[in-house]
Amino acid sequence: MSRRSERCGLTRREFLQAGILVAAAAAVSTPRLVAGFEAPPSLDNNDSYYEPFLLEGDEDRIAYYEALGFVVEENGKKCVANPLLPNKCMVYTKPYRDDRFPLLPPGATEDFYRRCIRCGLCYFACSYMGYHAIRLASLREGLHKLGSPAVDNMITYPCTLCMECTKVCPTGALKEIPKEDVKMGIALIDPDLCWAWNSGDCKSCAKACPFGSEVFEFTFNEWGVHTRVNADKCKGCGLCVPACPIGGSAIHVLPLDEYERRIRNYKNTGMSYDDYLRLILETERNDPFKATWRAAINTDYIQNVRGIEEEKIATELGASDINVTSVRRHKGD
């Protein structure tokens, strides 16, 4: 039983009984309970998770990038070229609101949908704790998922890994497991949108993560700090998403299958995510001209298109956040 429940004078059994009564009443009016929730946009546009740096209506910017030779045309529209891949537009992961997926709460079993009885107790527990990370699926997501829990608004309500939802599940669909064993999804950083990959220093995502640099790895070179997520260690809680200072966040949490799909052919470049990161690091080492313009173009986009909340930028990690095995130094060999 949580301390919060104790303060309110509720035992775990009383909480369960109250929740069951509420859930039973809610079952009669399920459409009203879930009507306010829309299906995540990504259910309809899985194949277009990025947006190009378009040059429209800004003649000065068009002339500027044309003079530098960084303009290409795609689908009849002018866009800024990627200095590392000159024939391709510079593209960025869409804002989180247009690129979010429903994830199962922590502790979900492999046969979750068979076990889940749609009682809503996990939803009520999460709301009771004041976190509001769990919502109930609507008809738009299909009868198979109707009334089942989902976590998909991480930029506003990430999962705190309090694990209260697992404690009230009556069927074991959500299993009580250690936080270290949770796997809701995997976070993926867009290096072209990430402030640390373009300005030199930002560790906001790592600082927000309950596991710090056990999950986030750093590469240091003369261009600054470059951050990436250790996919095997990431829990998918999403606390990193609202911590990112970039408008719409440069880090999104994806379901495992979507994560695998994206990293195989990152941004439709024909390169894997790892290869794309290596290309950036190799360019920084061997071609300062291209590296400089890559960072300049991305900074232009970040500051003038997406926006950045500078007060969110965290450049220091506490001692508890640092795992020395995750720190790498690029030696240039």
Protein backbone atom coordinates (compact mmCIF):
# COMPACT_ATOMS: atom_id res chain seq x y z
CA MET A 1 0.00 0.00 0.00
CA SER A 2 1.34 3.43 -0.87
CA ARG A 3 1.92 6.20 1.65
CA ARG A 4 -0.57 8.28 -0.28
CA SER A 5 -3.27 5.65 0.30
CA GLU A 6 -2.38 5.55 3.99
CA ARG A 7 -2.77 9.31 4.29
CA CYS A 8 -6.25 9.07 2.80
CA GLY A 9 -7.20 6.28 5.22
CA LEU A 10 -7.64 3.64 2.49
CA THR A 11 -6.30 0.13 2.72
CA ARG A 12 -5.32 -1.61 -0.50
CA ARG A 13 -8.42 -3.84 -0.22
CA GLU A 14 -10.67 -0.82 0.24
CA PHE A 15 -9.04 0.87 -2.74
CA LEU A 16 -9.63 -2.23 -4.88
CA GLN A 17 -13.24 -2.50 -3.75
CA ALA A 18 -13.87 1.16 -4.49
CA GLY A 19 -12.21 0.84 -7.87
CA ILE A 20 -14.26 -2.21 -8.79
CA LEU A 21 -17.48 -0.38 -7.97
CA VAL A 22 -16.42 2.60 -10.06
CA ALA A 23 -15.31 0.32 -12.89
CA ALA A 24 -18.62 -1.51 -12.84
CA ALA A 25 -20.49 1.75 -13.11
CA ALA A 26 -18.16 2.94 -15.85
CA ALA A 27 -18.73 -0.22 -17.85
CA VAL A 28 -22.32 0.86 -18.41
CA SER A 29 -21.11 4.13 -19.90
CA THR A 30 -17.85 3.04 -21.55
CA PRO A 31 -18.38 5.28 -24.62
CA ARG A 32 -18.56 8.32 -22.34
CA LEU A 33 -15.50 7.22 -20.39
CA VAL A 34 -13.32 6.91 -23.47
CA ALA A 35 -14.95 9.39 -25.83
CA GLY A 36 -12.62 12.19 -24.80
CA PHE A 37 -9.52 10.33 -25.92
CA GLU A 38 -8.45 10.41 -29.54
CA ALA A 39 -6.41 7.68 -31.15
CA PRO A 40 -2.76 8.74 -31.47
CA PRO A 41 -2.00 10.37 -34.84
CA SER A 42 0.73 7.82 -35.50
CA LEU A 43 -1.87 5.10 -35.96
CA ASP A 44 -2.63 6.68 -39.32
CA ASN A 45 0.78 7.90 -40.48
CA ASN A 46 3.41 5.39 -39.46
CA ASP A 47 5.22 5.86 -42.78
CA SER A 48 5.79 9.60 -42.45
CA TYR A 49 7.32 10.29 -39.09
CA TYR A 50 9.58 13.11 -40.29
CA GLU A 51 9.23 16.56 -41.82
CA PRO A 52 11.62 18.29 -44.24
CA PHE A 53 13.19 21.72 -43.73
CA LEU A 54 11.07 23.39 -46.40
CA LEU A 55 11.94 26.77 -47.91
CA GLU A 56 8.61 28.45 -48.50
CA GLY A 57 7.73 32.13 -48.44
CA ASP A 58 11.12 33.27 -47.16
CA GLU A 59 13.05 34.66 -50.11
CA ASP A 60 16.01 35.76 -48.00
CA ARG A 61 16.48 32.29 -46.55
CA ILE A 62 16.08 30.69 -49.98
CA ALA A 63 18.70 33.03 -51.46
CA TYR A 64 21.01 32.36 -48.51
CA TYR A 65 20.93 28.59 -48.83
CA GLU A 66 21.02 28.69 -52.63
CA ALA A 67 24.21 30.76 -52.48
CA LEU A 68 25.72 28.06 -50.29
CA GLY A 69 24.55 25.30 -52.61
CA PHE A 70 22.35 23.73 -49.95
CA VAL A 71 19.00 23.70 -51.76
CA VAL A 72 17.37 20.67 -53.36
CA GLU A 73 13.90 20.17 -54.79
CA GLU A 74 11.70 17.29 -53.73
CA ASN A 75 8.09 16.71 -54.79
CA GLY A 76 8.06 20.14 -56.38
CA LYS A 77 9.14 21.92 -53.19
CA LYS A 78 12.46 23.49 -52.28
CA CYS A 79 14.11 22.32 -49.09
CA VAL A 80 17.46 22.64 -47.35
CA ALA A 81 19.87 19.88 -48.33
CA ASN A 82 21.57 17.62 -45.84
CA PRO A 83 25.29 18.55 -46.11
CA LEU A 84 26.19 14.94 -45.32
CA LEU A 85 23.81 13.55 -47.98
CA PRO A 86 23.65 16.39 -50.56
CA ASN A 87 20.89 14.90 -52.71
CA LYS A 88 18.51 14.52 -49.79
CA CYS A 89 16.48 17.05 -47.86
CA MET A 90 17.37 17.68 -44.26
CA VAL A 91 14.51 16.03 -42.37
CA TYR A 92 13.51 15.96 -38.72
CA THR A 93 11.33 13.77 -36.55
CA LYS A 94 7.88 15.33 -36.34
CA PRO A 95 6.73 16.95 -33.09
CA TYR A 96 5.66 14.42 -30.48
CA ARG A 97 1.96 15.22 -30.90
CA ASP A 98 2.21 13.89 -34.47
CA ASP A 99 4.47 10.96 -33.65
CA ARG A 100 3.15 9.20 -30.58
CA PHE A 101 2.17 5.60 -30.09
CA PRO A 102 0.05 3.82 -27.47
CA LEU A 103 2.28 1.80 -25.16
CA LEU A 104 1.21 -0.71 -22.54
CA PRO A 105 1.74 0.23 -18.88
CA PRO A 106 4.76 -1.17 -17.04
CA GLY A 107 4.65 -4.85 -16.18
CA ALA A 108 2.38 -5.82 -19.08
CA THR A 109 2.56 -9.56 -19.78
CA GLU A 110 2.95 -11.11 -23.24
CA ASP A 111 -0.69 -12.23 -23.14
CA PHE A 112 -1.84 -8.88 -21.77
CA TYR A 113 -4.96 -8.46 -23.94
CA ARG A 114 -6.16 -11.97 -23.05
CA ARG A 115 -5.73 -11.36 -19.34
CA CYS A 116 -6.96 -7.76 -19.17
CA ILE A 117 -10.66 -7.60 -18.16
CA ARG A 118 -10.96 -3.85 -18.84
CA CYS A 119 -11.79 -3.12 -15.20
CA GLY A 120 -9.98 0.21 -15.32
CA LEU A 121 -8.32 -0.22 -11.94
CA CYS A 122 -4.88 0.66 -13.32
CA TYR A 123 -6.36 3.83 -14.83
CA PHE A 124 -7.94 4.82 -11.53
CA ALA A 125 -4.76 4.02 -9.58
CA CYS A 126 -2.67 6.20 -11.90
CA SER A 127 -5.20 9.04 -11.68
CA TYR A 128 -5.45 8.62 -7.91
CA MET A 129 -1.69 9.02 -7.62
CA GLY A 130 -1.98 12.24 -9.64
CA TYR A 131 0.11 11.05 -12.60
CA HIS A 132 -2.59 10.58 -15.28
CA ALA A 133 -0.23 8.63 -17.53
CA ILE A 134 -2.75 5.87 -18.27
CA ARG A 135 -5.81 6.38 -20.44
CA LEU A 136 -8.39 3.87 -21.65
CA ALA A 137 -8.50 2.93 -25.33
CA SER A 138 -11.43 4.14 -27.41
CA LEU A 139 -13.44 2.48 -30.16
CA ARG A 140 -11.20 4.16 -32.71
CA GLU A 141 -8.48 1.75 -31.65
CA GLY A 142 -10.67 -1.30 -32.28
CA LEU A 143 -12.87 -3.56 -30.19
CA HIS A 144 -9.84 -5.70 -29.34
CA LYS A 145 -8.33 -2.83 -27.34
CA LEU A 146 -11.50 -1.02 -26.22
CA GLY A 147 -11.27 -0.10 -22.55
CA SER A 148 -7.74 -1.41 -22.13
CA PRO A 149 -5.02 0.85 -20.68
CA ALA A 150 -2.50 2.75 -22.78
CA VAL A 151 0.26 5.27 -22.12
CA ASP A 152 0.73 7.63 -25.06
CA ASN A 153 0.89 11.26 -23.95
CA MET A 154 4.38 11.21 -22.56
CA ILE A 155 5.16 14.82 -23.36
CA THR A 156 2.53 15.79 -20.78
CA TYR A 157 2.08 12.67 -18.66
CA PRO A 158 5.09 10.32 -18.77
CA CYS A 159 5.11 7.16 -16.67
CA THR A 160 6.89 7.70 -13.36
CA LEU A 161 7.42 3.95 -12.82
CA CYS A 162 5.61 4.18 -9.47
CA MET A 163 4.26 0.67 -10.30
CA GLU A 164 0.96 1.32 -8.50
CA CYS A 165 -0.95 0.11 -11.57
CA THR A 166 0.63 -3.33 -11.25
CA LYS A 167 -0.39 -3.58 -7.60
CA VAL A 168 -4.11 -3.18 -8.28
CA CYS A 169 -4.40 -5.39 -11.38
CA PRO A 170 -6.68 -8.30 -10.35
CA THR A 171 -5.74 -10.69 -13.18
CA GLY A 172 -1.98 -10.37 -13.49
CA ALA A 173 -2.21 -8.67 -16.88
CA LEU A 174 0.08 -6.12 -15.27
CA LYS A 175 2.64 -7.99 -13.24
CA GLU A 176 4.47 -6.59 -10.23
CA ILE A 177 8.09 -6.52 -11.37
CA PRO A 178 11.18 -4.48 -10.40
CA LYS A 179 11.54 -1.17 -12.20
CA GLU A 180 14.77 -2.47 -13.69
CA ASP A 181 12.81 -5.13 -15.60
CA VAL A 182 10.23 -2.79 -17.16
CA LYS A 183 10.14 -2.57 -20.97
CA MET A 184 7.38 -0.30 -22.27
CA GLY A 185 9.25 0.88 -25.36
CA ILE A 186 12.57 2.39 -26.46
CA ALA A 187 13.52 6.06 -26.69
CA LEU A 188 15.11 7.27 -29.93
CA ILE A 189 17.00 10.57 -30.29
CA ASP A 190 17.00 12.50 -33.57
CA PRO A 191 20.63 13.70 -33.79
CA ASP A 192 19.68 16.43 -36.26
CA LEU A 193 17.15 17.84 -33.82
CA CYS A 194 19.01 17.21 -30.57
CA TRP A 195 20.67 20.31 -29.10
CA ALA A 196 23.64 18.29 -27.82
CA TRP A 197 24.35 16.91 -31.30
CA ASN A 198 24.40 20.44 -32.74
CA SER A 199 25.40 22.93 -30.05
CA GLY A 200 27.78 20.98 -27.87
CA ASP A 201 26.15 20.47 -24.48
CA CYS A 202 22.76 19.34 -23.21
CA LYS A 203 22.04 16.40 -20.92
CA SER A 204 18.40 17.12 -20.08
CA CYS A 205 17.12 13.72 -21.18
CA ALA A 206 19.73 11.82 -19.18
CA LYS A 207 19.14 13.95 -16.11
CA ALA A 208 15.39 13.23 -16.24
CA CYS A 209 15.91 9.48 -16.64
CA PRO A 210 15.51 7.44 -13.42
CA PHE A 211 18.51 5.37 -14.52
CA GLY A 212 20.68 8.25 -15.76
CA SER A 213 23.73 7.29 -17.75
CA GLU A 214 22.98 3.61 -17.36
CA VAL A 215 20.54 4.31 -20.21
CA PHE A 216 22.13 7.36 -21.83
CA GLU A 217 25.61 7.10 -23.34
CA PHE A 218 27.82 10.07 -24.17
CA THR A 219 30.45 10.58 -26.83
CA PHE A 220 32.74 13.55 -26.24
CA ASN A 221 34.77 15.20 -28.96
CA GLU A 222 35.85 18.72 -29.90
CA TRP A 223 32.32 19.33 -31.18
CA GLY A 224 30.85 18.71 -27.74
CA VAL A 225 28.63 16.09 -26.12
CA HIS A 226 26.73 13.59 -28.25
CA THR A 227 24.04 11.53 -26.55
CA ARG A 228 22.42 8.25 -27.50
CA VAL A 229 20.11 5.75 -25.82
CA ASN A 230 21.21 2.25 -24.86
CA ALA A 231 18.23 0.36 -26.27
CA ASP A 232 18.81 -2.65 -24.04
CA LYS A 233 18.68 -0.54 -20.89
CA CYS A 234 15.86 1.89 -21.77
CA LYS A 235 12.57 1.20 -19.94
CA GLY A 236 10.40 3.37 -22.19
CA CYS A 237 8.91 5.39 -19.32
CA GLY A 238 9.08 8.64 -21.32
CA LEU A 239 10.36 10.93 -18.56
CA CYS A 240 12.99 12.10 -21.05
CA VAL A 241 10.37 13.32 -23.55
CA PRO A 242 9.08 16.43 -21.69
CA ALA A 243 12.59 17.13 -20.38
CA CYS A 244 13.89 17.83 -23.90
CA PRO A 245 14.14 21.58 -24.56
CA ILE A 246 13.31 21.27 -28.28
CA GLY A 247 9.77 22.12 -29.35
CA GLY A 248 7.92 18.83 -29.83
CA SER A 249 10.92 17.00 -28.29
CA ALA A 250 13.90 15.50 -30.10
CA ILE A 251 13.45 12.21 -28.25
CA HIS A 252 10.39 9.99 -28.68
CA VAL A 253 9.53 6.64 -27.12
CA LEU A 254 8.53 4.01 -29.66
CA PRO A 255 7.06 0.50 -29.49
CA LEU A 256 9.70 -2.16 -30.05
CA ASP A 257 8.56 -3.02 -33.59
CA GLU A 258 8.43 0.64 -34.66
CA TYR A 259 11.84 1.27 -33.13
CA GLU A 260 13.33 -1.62 -35.11
CA ARG A 261 11.68 -0.41 -38.32
CA ARG A 262 13.10 3.09 -37.98
CA ILE A 263 16.65 2.21 -37.07
CA ARG A 264 16.97 -0.18 -40.03
CA ASN A 265 16.45 2.62 -42.58
CA TYR A 266 16.82 5.80 -40.62
CA LYS A 267 14.95 8.74 -42.16
CA ASN A 268 14.77 6.80 -45.45
CA THR A 269 18.48 7.41 -46.00
CA GLY A 270 19.19 3.76 -46.70
CA MET A 271 21.45 3.83 -43.65
CA SER A 272 20.89 2.29 -40.24
CA TYR A 273 20.62 4.59 -37.24
CA ASP A 274 24.07 3.50 -36.05
CA ASP A 275 25.56 4.17 -39.49
CA TYR A 276 23.98 7.63 -39.58
CA LEU A 277 25.49 8.50 -36.19
CA ARG A 278 28.86 7.21 -37.36
CA LEU A 279 28.60 9.37 -40.49
CA ILE A 280 28.08 12.46 -38.33
CA LEU A 281 31.06 11.61 -36.11
CA GLU A 282 33.29 10.83 -39.10
CA THR A 283 32.29 14.10 -40.76
CA GLU A 284 33.11 16.03 -37.60
CA ARG A 285 36.52 14.39 -37.57
CA ASN A 286 37.38 14.61 -41.27
CA ASP A 287 35.33 17.41 -42.86
CA PRO A 288 34.93 20.48 -40.61
CA PHE A 289 33.24 22.44 -43.42
CA LYS A 290 30.35 19.99 -43.77
CA ALA A 291 30.16 19.46 -40.03
CA THR A 292 29.93 23.20 -39.41
CA TRP A 293 27.15 23.68 -41.93
CA ARG A 294 25.27 20.65 -40.68
CA ALA A 295 25.21 22.16 -37.18
CA ALA A 296 24.36 25.63 -38.53
CA ILE A 297 21.42 24.35 -40.60
CA ASN A 298 20.08 22.32 -37.70
CA THR A 299 20.46 25.23 -35.30
CA ASP A 300 18.54 27.45 -37.74
CA TYR A 301 15.72 24.91 -37.85
CA ILE A 302 15.69 24.34 -34.10
CA GLN A 303 15.66 28.01 -33.16
CA ASN A 304 13.48 29.44 -35.92
CA VAL A 305 11.07 26.61 -36.78
CA ARG A 306 10.65 24.31 -33.80
CA GLY A 307 11.72 26.59 -30.97
CA ILE A 308 13.78 25.80 -27.89
CA GLU A 309 13.09 26.31 -24.18
CA GLU A 310 16.55 27.27 -22.99
CA GLU A 311 15.56 27.05 -19.33
CA LYS A 312 15.17 23.29 -19.81
CA ILE A 313 18.77 22.78 -20.91
CA ALA A 314 20.67 20.79 -18.28
CA THR A 315 24.42 20.66 -18.79
CA GLU A 316 25.38 18.92 -15.56
CA LEU A 317 24.53 15.50 -14.15
CA GLY A 318 24.54 14.65 -10.47
CA ALA A 319 26.94 12.01 -9.18
CA SER A 320 24.05 9.52 -8.99
CA ASP A 321 23.34 10.06 -12.70
CA ILE A 322 26.83 9.12 -13.89
CA ASN A 323 27.91 5.66 -14.89
CA VAL A 324 31.50 5.86 -16.11
CA THR A 325 31.08 2.85 -18.39
CA SER A 326 28.66 4.88 -20.51
CA VAL A 327 31.11 7.71 -21.17
CA ARG A 328 33.12 7.47 -24.37
CA ARG A 329 35.77 9.76 -25.74
CA HIS A 330 36.20 10.06 -29.46
CA LYS A 331 39.97 9.84 -30.10
CA GLY A 332 39.88 10.49 -33.81
CA ASP A 333 41.43 7.18 -34.84
